[in-house]
Amino acid sequence: MLPEFDKNAAFIWAIIALGIGLPILLAIYAGLRARLARRRLERLREE
C-alpha cells in the first residue's frame, strides 16, 4: 500500500531530499578526509 501523495507530500519530499542529499554529503566528507589523509602521509614521508 503506497501512501496517498496529496496527504503525505511533505513526508515524501523529506525522504526524497534525504535520499539524494545524504549520499552527496557523505561523498564530500569522504573526499575531504581522503585529501587530509594524503597531506598527512606526504608530511610523514618527508620526515
PDB file of N, CA and C in Angstrom:
ATOM      1  N   MET A   1       0.836  -1.194   0.000  1.00  0.00           N
ATOM      2  CA  MET A   1       0.000   0.000   0.000  1.00  0.00           C
ATOM      3  C   MET A   1       0.880   1.256   0.000  1.00  0.00           C
ATOM      4  N   LEU A   2       0.829   1.988  -1.057  1.00  0.00           N
ATOM      5  CA  LEU A   2       1.584   3.231  -1.137  1.00  0.00           C
ATOM      6  C   LEU A   2       0.779   4.365  -0.510  1.00  0.00           C
ATOM      7  N   PRO A   3       1.456   5.304   0.141  1.00  0.00           N
ATOM      8  CA  PRO A   3       0.730   6.425   0.726  1.00  0.00           C
ATOM      9  C   PRO A   3       0.163   7.328  -0.362  1.00  0.00           C
ATOM     10  N   GLU A   4      -0.932   8.004  -0.035  1.00  0.00           N
ATOM     11  CA  GLU A   4      -1.505   8.962  -0.977  1.00  0.00           C
ATOM     12  C   GLU A   4      -0.619  10.193  -1.001  1.00  0.00           C
ATOM     13  N   PHE A   5      -0.209  10.586  -2.198  1.00  0.00           N
ATOM     14  CA  PHE A   5       0.775  11.653  -2.328  1.00  0.00           C
ATOM     15  C   PHE A   5       0.259  12.986  -1.805  1.00  0.00           C
ATOM     16  N   ASP A   6      -1.006  13.309  -2.050  1.00  0.00           N
ATOM     17  CA  ASP A   6      -1.510  14.618  -1.650  1.00  0.00           C
ATOM     18  C   ASP A   6      -1.575  14.774  -0.137  1.00  0.00           C
ATOM     19  N   LYS A   7      -1.776  13.702   0.589  1.00  0.00           N
ATOM     20  CA  LYS A   7      -1.865  13.781   2.056  1.00  0.00           C
ATOM     21  C   LYS A   7      -0.487  13.754   2.713  1.00  0.00           C
ATOM     22  N   ASN A   8       0.468  13.110   2.085  1.00  0.00           N
ATOM     23  CA  ASN A   8       1.794  12.924   2.691  1.00  0.00           C
ATOM     24  C   ASN A   8       2.910  13.560   1.872  1.00  0.00           C
ATOM     25  N   ALA A   9       2.610  14.605   1.156  1.00  0.00           N
ATOM     26  CA  ALA A   9       3.598  15.192   0.248  1.00  0.00           C
ATOM     27  C   ALA A   9       4.847  15.657   0.988  1.00  0.00           C
ATOM     28  N   ALA A  10       4.696  16.321   2.132  1.00  0.00           N
ATOM     29  CA  ALA A  10       5.862  16.819   2.868  1.00  0.00           C
ATOM     30  C   ALA A  10       6.744  15.655   3.324  1.00  0.00           C
ATOM     31  N   PHE A  11       6.126  14.589   3.797  1.00  0.00           N
ATOM     32  CA  PHE A  11       6.861  13.416   4.248  1.00  0.00           C
ATOM     33  C   PHE A  11       7.622  12.780   3.088  1.00  0.00           C
ATOM     34  N   ILE A  12       6.958  12.654   1.952  1.00  0.00           N
ATOM     35  CA  ILE A  12       7.584  12.030   0.791  1.00  0.00           C
ATOM     36  C   ILE A  12       8.734  12.885   0.281  1.00  0.00           C
ATOM     37  N   TRP A  13       8.550  14.219   0.214  1.00  0.00           N
ATOM     38  CA  TRP A  13       9.632  15.087  -0.247  1.00  0.00           C
ATOM     39  C   TRP A  13      10.800  15.077   0.726  1.00  0.00           C
ATOM     40  N   ALA A  14      10.521  14.962   2.024  1.00  0.00           N
ATOM     41  CA  ALA A  14      11.604  14.887   3.004  1.00  0.00           C
ATOM     42  C   ALA A  14      12.440  13.623   2.786  1.00  0.00           C
ATOM     43  N   ILE A  15      11.793  12.504   2.522  1.00  0.00           N
ATOM     44  CA  ILE A  15      12.514  11.252   2.270  1.00  0.00           C
ATOM     45  C   ILE A  15      13.323  11.348   0.973  1.00  0.00           C
ATOM     46  N   ILE A  16      12.746  11.962  -0.050  1.00  0.00           N
ATOM     47  CA  ILE A  16      13.465  12.129  -1.313  1.00  0.00           C
ATOM     48  C   ILE A  16      14.693  13.013  -1.103  1.00  0.00           C
ATOM     49  N   ALA A  17      14.525  14.105  -0.354  1.00  0.00           N
ATOM     50  CA  ALA A  17      15.654  15.011  -0.100  1.00  0.00           C
ATOM     51  C   ALA A  17      16.760  14.294   0.667  1.00  0.00           C
ATOM     52  N   LEU A  18      16.395  13.504   1.664  1.00  0.00           N
ATOM     53  CA  LEU A  18      17.398  12.746   2.414  1.00  0.00           C
ATOM     54  C   LEU A  18      18.069  11.704   1.525  1.00  0.00           C
ATOM     55  N   GLY A  19      17.297  11.051   0.700  1.00  0.00           N
ATOM     56  CA  GLY A  19      17.830  10.014  -0.176  1.00  0.00           C
ATOM     57  C   GLY A  19      18.814  10.554  -1.196  1.00  0.00           C
ATOM     58  N   ILE A  20      18.614  11.794  -1.615  1.00  0.00           N
ATOM     59  CA  ILE A  20      19.523  12.402  -2.582  1.00  0.00           C
ATOM     60  C   ILE A  20      20.655  13.144  -1.878  1.00  0.00           C
ATOM     61  N   GLY A  21      20.320  13.880  -0.823  1.00  0.00           N
ATOM     62  CA  GLY A  21      21.300  14.743  -0.170  1.00  0.00           C
ATOM     63  C   GLY A  21      22.311  14.014   0.676  1.00  0.00           C
ATOM     64  N   LEU A  22      21.887  12.999   1.398  1.00  0.00           N
ATOM     65  CA  LEU A  22      22.793  12.311   2.317  1.00  0.00           C
ATOM     66  C   LEU A  22      23.974  11.655   1.598  1.00  0.00           C
ATOM     67  N   PRO A  23      23.765  10.910   0.519  1.00  0.00           N
ATOM     68  CA  PRO A  23      24.926  10.345  -0.183  1.00  0.00           C
ATOM     69  C   PRO A  23      25.868  11.412  -0.729  1.00  0.00           C
ATOM     70  N   ILE A  24      25.318  12.543  -1.184  1.00  0.00           N
ATOM     71  CA  ILE A  24      26.171  13.616  -1.690  1.00  0.00           C
ATOM     72  C   ILE A  24      27.027  14.175  -0.563  1.00  0.00           C
ATOM     73  N   LEU A  25      26.412  14.425   0.592  1.00  0.00           N
ATOM     74  CA  LEU A  25      27.158  14.953   1.737  1.00  0.00           C
ATOM     75  C   LEU A  25      28.218  13.960   2.211  1.00  0.00           C
ATOM     76  N   LEU A  26      27.883  12.679   2.227  1.00  0.00           N
ATOM     77  CA  LEU A  26      28.855  11.665   2.643  1.00  0.00           C
ATOM     78  C   LEU A  26      30.021  11.576   1.653  1.00  0.00           C
ATOM     79  N   ALA A  27      29.759  11.736   0.371  1.00  0.00           N
ATOM     80  CA  ALA A  27      30.830  11.706  -0.626  1.00  0.00           C
ATOM     81  C   ALA A  27      31.762  12.906  -0.444  1.00  0.00           C
ATOM     82  N   ILE A  28      31.192  14.078  -0.182  1.00  0.00           N
ATOM     83  CA  ILE A  28      32.015  15.268   0.058  1.00  0.00           C
ATOM     84  C   ILE A  28      32.874  15.062   1.305  1.00  0.00           C
ATOM     85  N   TYR A  29      32.275  14.538   2.366  1.00  0.00           N
ATOM     86  CA  TYR A  29      33.009  14.298   3.608  1.00  0.00           C
ATOM     87  C   TYR A  29      34.141  13.300   3.397  1.00  0.00           C
ATOM     88  N   ALA A  30      33.856  12.226   2.665  1.00  0.00           N
ATOM     89  CA  ALA A  30      34.891  11.219   2.403  1.00  0.00           C
ATOM     90  C   ALA A  30      36.023  11.808   1.569  1.00  0.00           C
ATOM     91  N   GLY A  31      35.692  12.658   0.607  1.00  0.00           N
ATOM     92  CA  GLY A  31      36.722  13.296  -0.208  1.00  0.00           C
ATOM     93  C   GLY A  31      37.615  14.205   0.615  1.00  0.00           C
ATOM     94  N   LEU A  32      37.013  14.974   1.519  1.00  0.00           N
ATOM     95  CA  LEU A  32      37.804  15.848   2.390  1.00  0.00           C
ATOM     96  C   LEU A  32      38.716  15.036   3.299  1.00  0.00           C
ATOM     97  N   ARG A  33      38.182  13.964   3.866  1.00  0.00           N
ATOM     98  CA  ARG A  33      39.004  13.113   4.739  1.00  0.00           C
ATOM     99  C   ARG A  33      40.157  12.488   3.961  1.00  0.00           C
ATOM    100  N   ALA A  34      39.916  12.056   2.731  1.00  0.00           N
ATOM    101  CA  ALA A  34      40.971  11.450   1.919  1.00  0.00           C
ATOM    102  C   ALA A  34      42.053  12.472   1.596  1.00  0.00           C
ATOM    103  N   ARG A  35      41.642  13.701   1.287  1.00  0.00           N
ATOM    104  CA  ARG A  35      42.628  14.741   0.977  1.00  0.00           C
ATOM    105  C   ARG A  35      43.485  15.048   2.199  1.00  0.00           C
ATOM    106  N   LEU A  36      42.859  15.132   3.371  1.00  0.00           N
ATOM    107  CA  LEU A  36      43.623  15.381   4.598  1.00  0.00           C
ATOM    108  C   LEU A  36      44.580  14.224   4.895  1.00  0.00           C
ATOM    109  N   ALA A  37      44.127  13.001   4.657  1.00  0.00           N
ATOM    110  CA  ALA A  37      44.982  11.843   4.901  1.00  0.00           C
ATOM    111  C   ALA A  37      46.181  11.837   3.951  1.00  0.00           C
ATOM    112  N   ARG A  38      45.954  12.234   2.681  1.00  0.00           N
ATOM    113  CA  ARG A  38      47.062  12.300   1.728  1.00  0.00           C
ATOM    114  C   ARG A  38      48.094  13.337   2.140  1.00  0.00           C
ATOM    115  N   ARG A  39      47.613  14.500   2.599  1.00  0.00           N
ATOM    116  CA  ARG A  39      48.538  15.541   3.056  1.00  0.00           C
ATOM    117  C   ARG A  39      49.355  15.060   4.246  1.00  0.00           C
ATOM    118  N   ARG A  40      48.705  14.382   5.172  1.00  0.00           N
ATOM    119  CA  ARG A  40      49.413  13.879   6.352  1.00  0.00           C
ATOM    120  C   ARG A  40      50.446  12.830   5.953  1.00  0.00           C
ATOM    121  N   LEU A  41      50.077  11.962   5.020  1.00  0.00           N
ATOM    122  CA  LEU A  41      51.008  10.942   4.556  1.00  0.00           C
ATOM    123  C   LEU A  41      52.226  11.577   3.904  1.00  0.00           C
ATOM    124  N   GLU A  42      52.015  12.609   3.099  1.00  0.00           N
ATOM    125  CA  GLU A  42      53.155  13.293   2.471  1.00  0.00           C
ATOM    126  C   GLU A  42      54.061  13.927   3.525  1.00  0.00           C
ATOM    127  N   ARG A  43      53.479  14.539   4.553  1.00  0.00           N
ATOM    128  CA  ARG A  43      54.285  15.128   5.622  1.00  0.00           C
ATOM    129  C   ARG A  43      55.095  14.050   6.339  1.00  0.00           C
ATOM    130  N   LEU A  44      54.487  12.910   6.593  1.00  0.00           N
ATOM    131  CA  LEU A  44      55.212  11.835   7.276  1.00  0.00           C
ATOM    132  C   LEU A  44      56.330  11.270   6.406  1.00  0.00           C
ATOM    133  N   ARG A  45      56.110  11.210   5.096  1.00  0.00           N
ATOM    134  CA  ARG A  45      57.159  10.711   4.203  1.00  0.00           C
ATOM    135  C   ARG A  45      58.340  11.637   4.139  1.00  0.00           C
ATOM    136  N   GLU A  46      58.099  12.939   4.267  1.00  0.00           N
ATOM    137  CA  GLU A  46      59.189  13.925   4.230  1.00  0.00           C
ATOM    138  C   GLU A  46      60.078  13.839   5.458  1.00  0.00           C
ATOM    139  N   GLU A  47      59.540  13.384   6.557  1.00  0.00           N
ATOM    140  CA  GLU A  47      60.334  13.328   7.803  1.00  0.00           C
ATOM    141  C   GLU A  47      61.289  12.161   7.831  1.00  0.00           C
TER     142      GLU A  47
END
